[in-house]
Amino acid sequence: MTILRTAFFEANLSAEEKEDFYQYMQQVVAPIIDTFPHNQGVVLSKPEFIESEAHQEVLLIMQHSYANKALMQQALDSEQRIQSMNATKKIIEKYNIRVHHMNLIQD
């Protein structure tokens, strides 16, 4: 079993703002998350197209994975998590981005 810590980022941004957001997440936030204890990898996914009218503002889905819930909790309790929260806060406040977190199980 693998736990996928998943964040959905939503906002109505211009093409230039989206590019700035994507670059920041890839170059600043993801490398910090990659240093979380027990992290098995970070994946950033940009929607190619969204069928649901209700979710047209989804910009990015970010996932990082852990072997189990206890190891994920150790990562979330780490100093690196505080660093990633501070880095993420800068970009989400800059563009008024909404963030939704889910923890998914992958068998």
PDB file of N, CA and C in Angstrom:
ATOM      1  N   MET A   1       0.846  -1.183   0.000  1.00  0.00           N
ATOM      2  CA  MET A   1       0.000   0.000   0.000  1.00  0.00           C
ATOM      3  C   MET A   1       0.888   1.241   0.000  1.00  0.00           C
ATOM      4  N   THR A   2       0.509   2.219  -0.766  1.00  0.00           N
ATOM      5  CA  THR A   2       1.208   3.507  -0.822  1.00  0.00           C
ATOM      6  C   THR A   2       0.199   4.607  -0.518  1.00  0.00           C
ATOM      7  N   ILE A   3       0.631   5.604   0.267  1.00  0.00           N
ATOM      8  CA  ILE A   3      -0.197   6.781   0.531  1.00  0.00           C
ATOM      9  C   ILE A   3       0.250   7.887  -0.419  1.00  0.00           C
ATOM     10  N   LEU A   4      -0.685   8.459  -1.164  1.00  0.00           N
ATOM     11  CA  LEU A   4      -0.403   9.569  -2.062  1.00  0.00           C
ATOM     12  C   LEU A   4      -0.942  10.848  -1.439  1.00  0.00           C
ATOM     13  N   ARG A   5      -0.068  11.695  -0.958  1.00  0.00           N
ATOM     14  CA  ARG A   5      -0.466  13.009  -0.435  1.00  0.00           C
ATOM     15  C   ARG A   5      -0.719  13.872  -1.664  1.00  0.00           C
ATOM     16  N   THR A   6      -1.954  14.327  -1.842  1.00  0.00           N
ATOM     17  CA  THR A   6      -2.367  14.991  -3.072  1.00  0.00           C
ATOM     18  C   THR A   6      -2.894  16.386  -2.783  1.00  0.00           C
ATOM     19  N   ALA A   7      -2.406  17.356  -3.536  1.00  0.00           N
ATOM     20  CA  ALA A   7      -2.879  18.741  -3.424  1.00  0.00           C
ATOM     21  C   ALA A   7      -3.397  19.185  -4.785  1.00  0.00           C
ATOM     22  N   PHE A   8      -4.586  19.774  -4.781  1.00  0.00           N
ATOM     23  CA  PHE A   8      -5.186  20.363  -5.969  1.00  0.00           C
ATOM     24  C   PHE A   8      -5.101  21.875  -5.812  1.00  0.00           C
ATOM     25  N   PHE A   9      -4.567  22.551  -6.799  1.00  0.00           N
ATOM     26  CA  PHE A   9      -4.433  24.009  -6.780  1.00  0.00           C
ATOM     27  C   PHE A   9      -5.413  24.584  -7.787  1.00  0.00           C
ATOM     28  N   GLU A  10      -6.217  25.559  -7.342  1.00  0.00           N
ATOM     29  CA  GLU A  10      -7.246  26.154  -8.190  1.00  0.00           C
ATOM     30  C   GLU A  10      -7.155  27.675  -8.177  1.00  0.00           C
ATOM     31  N   ALA A  11      -7.309  28.281  -9.342  1.00  0.00           N
ATOM     32  CA  ALA A  11      -7.403  29.738  -9.474  1.00  0.00           C
ATOM     33  C   ALA A  11      -7.706  30.067 -10.925  1.00  0.00           C
ATOM     34  N   ASN A  12      -8.197  31.255 -11.134  1.00  0.00           N
ATOM     35  CA  ASN A  12      -8.439  31.755 -12.486  1.00  0.00           C
ATOM     36  C   ASN A  12      -7.277  32.678 -12.838  1.00  0.00           C
ATOM     37  N   LEU A  13      -6.288  32.161 -13.546  1.00  0.00           N
ATOM     38  CA  LEU A  13      -5.073  32.912 -13.856  1.00  0.00           C
ATOM     39  C   LEU A  13      -4.918  33.116 -15.356  1.00  0.00           C
ATOM     40  N   SER A  14      -4.205  34.179 -15.700  1.00  0.00           N
ATOM     41  CA  SER A  14      -3.836  34.403 -17.101  1.00  0.00           C
ATOM     42  C   SER A  14      -2.770  33.382 -17.492  1.00  0.00           C
ATOM     43  N   ALA A  15      -2.495  33.288 -18.771  1.00  0.00           N
ATOM     44  CA  ALA A  15      -1.464  32.360 -19.254  1.00  0.00           C
ATOM     45  C   ALA A  15      -0.103  32.690 -18.640  1.00  0.00           C
ATOM     46  N   GLU A  16       0.229  33.963 -18.529  1.00  0.00           N
ATOM     47  CA  GLU A  16       1.516  34.371 -17.944  1.00  0.00           C
ATOM     48  C   GLU A  16       1.583  34.024 -16.460  1.00  0.00           C
ATOM     49  N   GLU A  17       0.489  34.242 -15.749  1.00  0.00           N
ATOM     50  CA  GLU A  17       0.444  33.907 -14.322  1.00  0.00           C
ATOM     51  C   GLU A  17       0.561  32.400 -14.114  1.00  0.00           C
ATOM     52  N   LYS A  18      -0.102  31.631 -14.958  1.00  0.00           N
ATOM     53  CA  LYS A  18       0.004  30.169 -14.868  1.00  0.00           C
ATOM     54  C   LYS A  18       1.445  29.725 -15.061  1.00  0.00           C
ATOM     55  N   GLU A  19       2.109  30.283 -16.053  1.00  0.00           N
ATOM     56  CA  GLU A  19       3.500  29.894 -16.317  1.00  0.00           C
ATOM     57  C   GLU A  19       4.389  30.233 -15.123  1.00  0.00           C
ATOM     58  N   ASP A  20       4.187  31.414 -14.530  1.00  0.00           N
ATOM     59  CA  ASP A  20       4.940  31.802 -13.339  1.00  0.00           C
ATOM     60  C   ASP A  20       4.668  30.814 -12.207  1.00  0.00           C
ATOM     61  N   PHE A  21       3.412  30.462 -12.005  1.00  0.00           N
ATOM     62  CA  PHE A  21       3.027  29.508 -10.969  1.00  0.00           C
ATOM     63  C   PHE A  21       3.683  28.146 -11.214  1.00  0.00           C
ATOM     64  N   TYR A  22       3.590  27.624 -12.437  1.00  0.00           N
ATOM     65  CA  TYR A  22       4.169  26.317 -12.752  1.00  0.00           C
ATOM     66  C   TYR A  22       5.678  26.307 -12.510  1.00  0.00           C
ATOM     67  N   GLN A  23       6.354  27.336 -12.966  1.00  0.00           N
ATOM     68  CA  GLN A  23       7.805  27.418 -12.778  1.00  0.00           C
ATOM     69  C   GLN A  23       8.166  27.437 -11.304  1.00  0.00           C
ATOM     70  N   TYR A  24       7.458  28.245 -10.532  1.00  0.00           N
ATOM     71  CA  TYR A  24       7.727  28.359  -9.101  1.00  0.00           C
ATOM     72  C   TYR A  24       7.516  27.013  -8.406  1.00  0.00           C
ATOM     73  N   MET A  25       6.422  26.352  -8.713  1.00  0.00           N
ATOM     74  CA  MET A  25       6.142  25.062  -8.076  1.00  0.00           C
ATOM     75  C   MET A  25       7.208  24.035  -8.443  1.00  0.00           C
ATOM     76  N   GLN A  26       7.632  24.028  -9.693  1.00  0.00           N
ATOM     77  CA  GLN A  26       8.625  23.060 -10.155  1.00  0.00           C
ATOM     78  C   GLN A  26      10.022  23.371  -9.630  1.00  0.00           C
ATOM     79  N   GLN A  27      10.384  24.642  -9.610  1.00  0.00           N
ATOM     80  CA  GLN A  27      11.756  25.017  -9.256  1.00  0.00           C
ATOM     81  C   GLN A  27      11.961  25.286  -7.772  1.00  0.00           C
ATOM     82  N   VAL A  28      10.901  25.647  -7.049  1.00  0.00           N
ATOM     83  CA  VAL A  28      11.049  26.007  -5.635  1.00  0.00           C
ATOM     84  C   VAL A  28      10.371  25.000  -4.709  1.00  0.00           C
ATOM     85  N   VAL A  29       9.089  24.773  -4.887  1.00  0.00           N
ATOM     86  CA  VAL A  29       8.337  23.955  -3.936  1.00  0.00           C
ATOM     87  C   VAL A  29       8.649  22.465  -4.073  1.00  0.00           C
ATOM     88  N   ALA A  30       8.565  21.928  -5.276  1.00  0.00           N
ATOM     89  CA  ALA A  30       8.792  20.485  -5.459  1.00  0.00           C
ATOM     90  C   ALA A  30      10.162  20.031  -4.953  1.00  0.00           C
ATOM     91  N   PRO A  31      11.248  20.776  -5.195  1.00  0.00           N
ATOM     92  CA  PRO A  31      12.540  20.336  -4.653  1.00  0.00           C
ATOM     93  C   PRO A  31      12.577  20.272  -3.123  1.00  0.00           C
ATOM     94  N   ILE A  32      11.840  21.151  -2.452  1.00  0.00           N
ATOM     95  CA  ILE A  32      11.778  21.085  -0.993  1.00  0.00           C
ATOM     96  C   ILE A  32      11.026  19.829  -0.573  1.00  0.00           C
ATOM     97  N   ILE A  33       9.879  19.578  -1.195  1.00  0.00           N
ATOM     98  CA  ILE A  33       9.089  18.398  -0.846  1.00  0.00           C
ATOM     99  C   ILE A  33       9.871  17.126  -1.133  1.00  0.00           C
ATOM    100  N   ASP A  34      10.692  17.161  -2.143  1.00  0.00           N
ATOM    101  CA  ASP A  34      11.507  15.991  -2.481  1.00  0.00           C
ATOM    102  C   ASP A  34      12.469  15.620  -1.346  1.00  0.00           C
ATOM    103  N   THR A  35      12.732  16.553  -0.436  1.00  0.00           N
ATOM    104  CA  THR A  35      13.634  16.277   0.695  1.00  0.00           C
ATOM    105  C   THR A  35      12.885  15.802   1.942  1.00  0.00           C
ATOM    106  N   PHE A  36      11.556  15.695   1.889  1.00  0.00           N
ATOM    107  CA  PHE A  36      10.801  15.205   3.046  1.00  0.00           C
ATOM    108  C   PHE A  36      11.296  13.812   3.426  1.00  0.00           C
ATOM    109  N   PRO A  37      11.407  13.535   4.719  1.00  0.00           N
ATOM    110  CA  PRO A  37      11.782  12.174   5.141  1.00  0.00           C
ATOM    111  C   PRO A  37      10.801  11.143   4.580  1.00  0.00           C
ATOM    112  N   HIS A  38      11.332  10.046   4.090  1.00  0.00           N
ATOM    113  CA  HIS A  38      10.559   8.892   3.606  1.00  0.00           C
ATOM    114  C   HIS A  38       9.781   9.160   2.319  1.00  0.00           C
ATOM    115  N   ASN A  39       9.939  10.329   1.708  1.00  0.00           N
ATOM    116  CA  ASN A  39       9.242  10.644   0.467  1.00  0.00           C
ATOM    117  C   ASN A  39       9.734   9.727  -0.646  1.00  0.00           C
ATOM    118  N   GLN A  40       8.802   9.173  -1.397  1.00  0.00           N
ATOM    119  CA  GLN A  40       9.144   8.281  -2.507  1.00  0.00           C
ATOM    120  C   GLN A  40       9.092   8.974  -3.860  1.00  0.00           C
ATOM    121  N   GLY A  41       8.887  10.295  -3.849  1.00  0.00           N
ATOM    122  CA  GLY A  41       8.881  11.046  -5.092  1.00  0.00           C
ATOM    123  C   GLY A  41       7.749  12.049  -5.159  1.00  0.00           C
ATOM    124  N   VAL A  42       7.966  13.087  -5.949  1.00  0.00           N
ATOM    125  CA  VAL A  42       6.984  14.152  -6.149  1.00  0.00           C
ATOM    126  C   VAL A  42       6.601  14.172  -7.623  1.00  0.00           C
ATOM    127  N   VAL A  43       5.301  14.276  -7.889  1.00  0.00           N
ATOM    128  CA  VAL A  43       4.806  14.355  -9.264  1.00  0.00           C
ATOM    129  C   VAL A  43       3.928  15.593  -9.369  1.00  0.00           C
ATOM    130  N   LEU A  44       4.213  16.425 -10.367  1.00  0.00           N
ATOM    131  CA  LEU A  44       3.385  17.593 -10.675  1.00  0.00           C
ATOM    132  C   LEU A  44       2.666  17.306 -11.985  1.00  0.00           C
ATOM    133  N   SER A  45       1.339  17.455 -11.978  1.00  0.00           N
ATOM    134  CA  SER A  45       0.540  17.172 -13.178  1.00  0.00           C
ATOM    135  C   SER A  45      -0.320  18.384 -13.516  1.00  0.00           C
ATOM    136  N   LYS A  46      -0.194  18.838 -14.757  1.00  0.00           N
ATOM    137  CA  LYS A  46      -1.033  19.929 -15.258  1.00  0.00           C
ATOM    138  C   LYS A  46      -2.171  19.306 -16.068  1.00  0.00           C
ATOM    139  N   PRO A  47      -3.403  19.748 -15.822  1.00  0.00           N
ATOM    140  CA  PRO A  47      -4.519  19.211 -16.612  1.00  0.00           C
ATOM    141  C   PRO A  47      -4.362  19.545 -18.100  1.00  0.00           C
ATOM    142  N   GLU A  48      -4.564  18.560 -18.939  1.00  0.00           N
ATOM    143  CA  GLU A  48      -4.554  18.771 -20.388  1.00  0.00           C
ATOM    144  C   GLU A  48      -5.892  19.358 -20.830  1.00  0.00           C
ATOM    145  N   PHE A  49      -6.969  18.784 -20.333  1.00  0.00           N
ATOM    146  CA  PHE A  49      -8.304  19.332 -20.527  1.00  0.00           C
ATOM    147  C   PHE A  49      -9.152  18.844 -19.361  1.00  0.00           C
ATOM    148  N   ILE A  50     -10.156  19.631 -19.002  1.00  0.00           N
ATOM    149  CA  ILE A  50     -11.020  19.312 -17.869  1.00  0.00           C
ATOM    150  C   ILE A  50     -12.449  19.206 -18.385  1.00  0.00           C
ATOM    151  N   GLU A  51     -13.057  18.070 -18.180  1.00  0.00           N
ATOM    152  CA  GLU A  51     -14.410  17.842 -18.677  1.00  0.00           C
ATOM    153  C   GLU A  51     -15.462  18.488 -17.790  1.00  0.00           C
ATOM    154  N   SER A  52     -15.223  18.528 -16.495  1.00  0.00           N
ATOM    155  CA  SER A  52     -16.210  19.048 -15.549  1.00  0.00           C
ATOM    156  C   SER A  52     -16.217  20.574 -15.534  1.00  0.00           C
ATOM    157  N   GLU A  53     -17.383  21.157 -15.735  1.00  0.00           N
ATOM    158  CA  GLU A  53     -17.510  22.615 -15.672  1.00  0.00           C
ATOM    159  C   GLU A  53     -17.125  23.150 -14.294  1.00  0.00           C
ATOM    160  N   ALA A  54     -17.399  22.377 -13.261  1.00  0.00           N
ATOM    161  CA  ALA A  54     -17.158  22.818 -11.887  1.00  0.00           C
ATOM    162  C   ALA A  54     -15.671  22.881 -11.527  1.00  0.00           C
ATOM    163  N   HIS A  55     -14.811  22.292 -12.349  1.00  0.00           N
ATOM    164  CA  HIS A  55     -13.393  22.228 -12.001  1.00  0.00           C
ATOM    165  C   HIS A  55     -12.479  22.879 -13.041  1.00  0.00           C
ATOM    166  N   GLN A  56     -12.990  23.819 -13.784  1.00  0.00           N
ATOM    167  CA  GLN A  56     -12.234  24.459 -14.853  1.00  0.00           C
ATOM    168  C   GLN A  56     -11.020  25.238 -14.353  1.00  0.00           C
ATOM    169  N   GLU A  57     -10.999  25.600 -13.080  1.00  0.00           N
ATOM    170  CA  GLU A  57      -9.898  26.416 -12.561  1.00  0.00           C
ATOM    171  C   GLU A  57      -8.784  25.590 -11.912  1.00  0.00           C
ATOM    172  N   VAL A  58      -8.838  24.263 -12.031  1.00  0.00           N
ATOM    173  CA  VAL A  58      -7.747  23.443 -11.489  1.00  0.00           C
ATOM    174  C   VAL A  58      -6.499  23.707 -12.332  1.00  0.00           C
ATOM    175  N   LEU A  59      -5.441  24.137 -11.649  1.00  0.00           N
ATOM    176  CA  LEU A  59      -4.178  24.477 -12.315  1.00  0.00           C
ATOM    177  C   LEU A  59      -3.174  23.339 -12.294  1.00  0.00           C
ATOM    178  N   LEU A  60      -3.155  22.637 -11.159  1.00  0.00           N
ATOM    179  CA  LEU A  60      -2.076  21.683 -10.927  1.00  0.00           C
ATOM    180  C   LEU A  60      -2.519  20.675  -9.885  1.00  0.00           C
ATOM    181  N   ILE A  61      -2.046  19.454 -10.057  1.00  0.00           N
ATOM    182  CA  ILE A  61      -2.196  18.418  -9.040  1.00  0.00           C
ATOM    183  C   ILE A  61      -0.783  17.995  -8.661  1.00  0.00           C
ATOM    184  N   MET A  62      -0.479  18.080  -7.386  1.00  0.00           N
ATOM    185  CA  MET A  62       0.841  17.685  -6.891  1.00  0.00           C
ATOM    186  C   MET A  62       0.669  16.489  -5.964  1.00  0.00           C
ATOM    187  N   GLN A  63       1.462  15.448  -6.186  1.00  0.00           N
ATOM    188  CA  GLN A  63       1.404  14.270  -5.333  1.00  0.00           C
ATOM    189  C   GLN A  63       2.802  13.901  -4.873  1.00  0.00           C
ATOM    190  N   HIS A  64       2.901  13.529  -3.601  1.00  0.00           N
ATOM    191  CA  HIS A  64       4.118  12.900  -3.099  1.00  0.00           C
ATOM    192  C   HIS A  64       3.695  11.662  -2.336  1.00  0.00           C
ATOM    193  N   SER A  65       4.499  10.617  -2.387  1.00  0.00           N
ATOM    194  CA  SER A  65       4.057   9.317  -1.902  1.00  0.00           C
ATOM    195  C   SER A  65       4.925   8.794  -0.759  1.00  0.00           C
ATOM    196  N   TYR A  66       4.281   7.938   0.049  1.00  0.00           N
ATOM    197  CA  TYR A  66       4.904   7.346   1.240  1.00  0.00           C
ATOM    198  C   TYR A  66       4.446   5.895   1.355  1.00  0.00           C
ATOM    199  N   ALA A  67       5.296   5.063   1.948  1.00  0.00           N
ATOM    200  CA  ALA A  67       4.987   3.639   2.078  1.00  0.00           C
ATOM    201  C   ALA A  67       3.792   3.385   2.987  1.00  0.00           C
ATOM    202  N   ASN A  68       3.572   4.266   3.974  1.00  0.00           N
ATOM    203  CA  ASN A  68       2.432   4.094   4.871  1.00  0.00           C
ATOM    204  C   ASN A  68       2.112   5.426   5.566  1.00  0.00           C
ATOM    205  N   LYS A  69       1.016   5.421   6.300  1.00  0.00           N
ATOM    206  CA  LYS A  69       0.531   6.644   6.937  1.00  0.00           C
ATOM    207  C   LYS A  69       1.507   7.157   7.996  1.00  0.00           C
ATOM    208  N   ALA A  70       2.123   6.279   8.759  1.00  0.00           N
ATOM    209  CA  ALA A  70       3.063   6.687   9.806  1.00  0.00           C
ATOM    210  C   ALA A  70       4.268   7.416   9.206  1.00  0.00           C
ATOM    211  N   LEU A  71       4.788   6.912   8.090  1.00  0.00           N
ATOM    212  CA  LEU A  71       5.928   7.565   7.438  1.00  0.00           C
ATOM    213  C   LEU A  71       5.516   8.900   6.836  1.00  0.00           C
ATOM    214  N   MET A  72       4.284   8.980   6.307  1.00  0.00           N
ATOM    215  CA  MET A  72       3.799  10.259   5.801  1.00  0.00           C
ATOM    216  C   MET A  72       3.700  11.264   6.941  1.00  0.00           C
ATOM    217  N   GLN A  73       3.209  10.827   8.090  1.00  0.00           N
ATOM    218  CA  GLN A  73       3.081  11.740   9.220  1.00  0.00           C
ATOM    219  C   GLN A  73       4.444  12.254   9.680  1.00  0.00           C
ATOM    220  N   GLN A  74       5.459  11.406   9.650  1.00  0.00           N
ATOM    221  CA  GLN A  74       6.811  11.863   9.983  1.00  0.00           C
ATOM    222  C   GLN A  74       7.252  12.955   9.016  1.00  0.00           C
ATOM    223  N   ALA A  75       6.940  12.791   7.749  1.00  0.00           N
ATOM    224  CA  ALA A  75       7.282  13.810   6.750  1.00  0.00           C
ATOM    225  C   ALA A  75       6.537  15.111   7.028  1.00  0.00           C
ATOM    226  N   LEU A  76       5.258  14.992   7.384  1.00  0.00           N
ATOM    227  CA  LEU A  76       4.443  16.186   7.644  1.00  0.00           C
ATOM    228  C   LEU A  76       4.848  16.891   8.939  1.00  0.00           C
ATOM    229  N   ASP A  77       5.511  16.185   9.826  1.00  0.00           N
ATOM    230  CA  ASP A  77       6.000  16.766  11.076  1.00  0.00           C
ATOM    231  C   ASP A  77       7.422  17.313  10.960  1.00  0.00           C
ATOM    232  N   SER A  78       8.004  17.256   9.784  1.00  0.00           N
ATOM    233  CA  SER A  78       9.413  17.611   9.598  1.00  0.00           C
ATOM    234  C   SER A  78       9.635  19.110   9.387  1.00  0.00           C
ATOM    235  N   GLU A  79      10.874  19.516   9.569  1.00  0.00           N
ATOM    236  CA  GLU A  79      11.281  20.898   9.299  1.00  0.00           C
ATOM    237  C   GLU A  79      11.105  21.232   7.814  1.00  0.00           C
ATOM    238  N   GLN A  80      11.342  20.250   6.942  1.00  0.00           N
ATOM    239  CA  GLN A  80      11.173  20.463   5.510  1.00  0.00           C
ATOM    240  C   GLN A  80       9.725  20.820   5.167  1.00  0.00           C
ATOM    241  N   ARG A  81       8.769  20.258   5.904  1.00  0.00           N
ATOM    242  CA  ARG A  81       7.355  20.586   5.669  1.00  0.00           C
ATOM    243  C   ARG A  81       7.104  22.057   5.952  1.00  0.00           C
ATOM    244  N   ILE A  82       7.683  22.566   7.021  1.00  0.00           N
ATOM    245  CA  ILE A  82       7.519  23.992   7.339  1.00  0.00           C
ATOM    246  C   ILE A  82       8.114  24.841   6.221  1.00  0.00           C
ATOM    247  N   GLN A  83       9.267  24.439   5.703  1.00  0.00           N
ATOM    248  CA  GLN A  83       9.886  25.166   4.591  1.00  0.00           C
ATOM    249  C   GLN A  83       8.976  25.148   3.362  1.00  0.00           C
ATOM    250  N   SER A  84       8.391  24.002   3.062  1.00  0.00           N
ATOM    251  CA  SER A  84       7.523  23.912   1.878  1.00  0.00           C
ATOM    252  C   SER A  84       6.239  24.719   2.074  1.00  0.00           C
ATOM    253  N   MET A  85       5.708  24.720   3.292  1.00  0.00           N
ATOM    254  CA  MET A  85       4.505  25.516   3.564  1.00  0.00           C
ATOM    255  C   MET A  85       4.789  27.002   3.377  1.00  0.00           C
ATOM    256  N   ASN A  86       5.942  27.462   3.860  1.00  0.00           N
ATOM    257  CA  ASN A  86       6.304  28.873   3.696  1.00  0.00           C
ATOM    258  C   ASN A  86       6.510  29.232   2.233  1.00  0.00           C
ATOM    259  N   ALA A  87       7.158  28.350   1.484  1.00  0.00           N
ATOM    260  CA  ALA A  87       7.378  28.599   0.055  1.00  0.00           C
ATOM    261  C   ALA A  87       6.059  28.592  -0.707  1.00  0.00           C
ATOM    262  N   THR A  88       5.190  27.638  -0.404  1.00  0.00           N
ATOM    263  CA  THR A  88       3.901  27.552  -1.081  1.00  0.00           C
ATOM    264  C   THR A  88       3.026  28.749  -0.755  1.00  0.00           C
ATOM    265  N   LYS A  89       3.081  29.197   0.486  1.00  0.00           N
ATOM    266  CA  LYS A  89       2.274  30.342   0.923  1.00  0.00           C
ATOM    267  C   LYS A  89       2.546  31.573   0.053  1.00  0.00           C
ATOM    268  N   LYS A  90       3.801  31.773  -0.337  1.00  0.00           N
ATOM    269  CA  LYS A  90       4.159  32.944  -1.160  1.00  0.00           C
ATOM    270  C   LYS A  90       3.395  32.947  -2.483  1.00  0.00           C
ATOM    271  N   ILE A  91       3.368  31.810  -3.152  1.00  0.00           N
ATOM    272  CA  ILE A  91       2.736  31.775  -4.479  1.00  0.00           C
ATOM    273  C   ILE A  91       1.214  31.738  -4.368  1.00  0.00           C
ATOM    274  N   ILE A  92       0.678  31.057  -3.373  1.00  0.00           N
ATOM    275  CA  ILE A  92      -0.786  31.011  -3.282  1.00  0.00           C
ATOM    276  C   ILE A  92      -1.360  32.359  -2.853  1.00  0.00           C
ATOM    277  N   GLU A  93      -0.616  33.107  -2.052  1.00  0.00           N
ATOM    278  CA  GLU A  93      -1.077  34.451  -1.696  1.00  0.00           C
ATOM    279  C   GLU A  93      -0.901  35.422  -2.856  1.00  0.00           C
ATOM    280  N   LYS A  94       0.159  35.238  -3.629  1.00  0.00           N
ATOM    281  CA  LYS A  94       0.405  36.116  -4.779  1.00  0.00           C
ATOM    282  C   LYS A  94      -0.754  36.071  -5.769  1.00  0.00           C
ATOM    283  N   TYR A  95      -1.308  34.873  -6.003  1.00  0.00           N
ATOM    284  CA  TYR A  95      -2.358  34.715  -7.008  1.00  0.00           C
ATOM    285  C   TYR A  95      -3.719  34.307  -6.423  1.00  0.00           C
ATOM    286  N   ASN A  96      -3.848  34.334  -5.107  1.00  0.00           N
ATOM    287  CA  ASN A  96      -5.102  33.962  -4.454  1.00  0.00           C
ATOM    288  C   ASN A  96      -5.554  32.567  -4.893  1.00  0.00           C
ATOM    289  N   ILE A  97      -4.651  31.609  -4.763  1.00  0.00           N
ATOM    290  CA  ILE A  97      -4.888  30.230  -5.184  1.00  0.00           C
ATOM    291  C   ILE A  97      -5.509  29.443  -4.029  1.00  0.00           C
ATOM    292  N   ARG A  98      -6.510  28.655  -4.372  1.00  0.00           N
ATOM    293  CA  ARG A  98      -7.130  27.758  -3.397  1.00  0.00           C
ATOM    294  C   ARG A  98      -6.423  26.398  -3.488  1.00  0.00           C
ATOM    295  N   VAL A  99      -6.208  25.783  -2.314  1.00  0.00           N
ATOM    296  CA  VAL A  99      -5.530  24.495  -2.256  1.00  0.00           C
ATOM    297  C   VAL A  99      -6.419  23.503  -1.506  1.00  0.00           C
ATOM    298  N   HIS A 100      -6.552  22.308  -2.056  1.00  0.00           N
ATOM    299  CA  HIS A 100      -7.321  21.231  -1.429  1.00  0.00           C
ATOM    300  C   HIS A 100      -6.391  20.017  -1.302  1.00  0.00           C
ATOM    301  N   HIS A 101      -6.342  19.430  -0.116  1.00  0.00           N
ATOM    302  CA  HIS A 101      -5.501  18.259   0.114  1.00  0.00           C
ATOM    303  C   HIS A 101      -6.352  17.013   0.306  1.00  0.00           C
ATOM    304  N   MET A 102      -5.860  15.910  -0.239  1.00  0.00           N
ATOM    305  CA  MET A 102      -6.462  14.574  -0.041  1.00  0.00           C
ATOM    306  C   MET A 102      -5.322  13.583   0.098  1.00  0.00           C
ATOM    307  N   ASN A 103      -5.528  12.597   0.937  1.00  0.00           N
ATOM    308  CA  ASN A 103      -4.576  11.496   1.042  1.00  0.00           C
ATOM    309  C   ASN A 103      -5.235  10.259   0.428  1.00  0.00           C
ATOM    310  N   LEU A 104      -4.660   9.759  -0.628  1.00  0.00           N
ATOM    311  CA  LEU A 104      -5.225   8.641  -1.377  1.00  0.00           C
ATOM    312  C   LEU A 104      -4.409   7.371  -1.117  1.00  0.00           C
ATOM    313  N   ILE A 105      -5.046   6.241  -1.241  1.00  0.00           N
ATOM    314  CA  ILE A 105      -4.368   4.962  -1.087  1.00  0.00           C
ATOM    315  C   ILE A 105      -4.219   4.320  -2.454  1.00  0.00           C
ATOM    316  N   GLN A 106      -3.021   3.852  -2.716  1.00  0.00           N
ATOM    317  CA  GLN A 106      -2.741   3.134  -3.957  1.00  0.00           C
ATOM    318  C   GLN A 106      -2.300   1.722  -3.585  1.00  0.00           C
ATOM    319  N   ASP A 107      -3.031   0.743  -4.069  1.00  0.00           N
ATOM    320  CA  ASP A 107      -2.671  -0.673  -3.770  1.00  0.00           C
ATOM    321  C   ASP A 107      -1.640  -1.178  -4.724  1.00  0.00           C
TER     322      ASP A 107
END
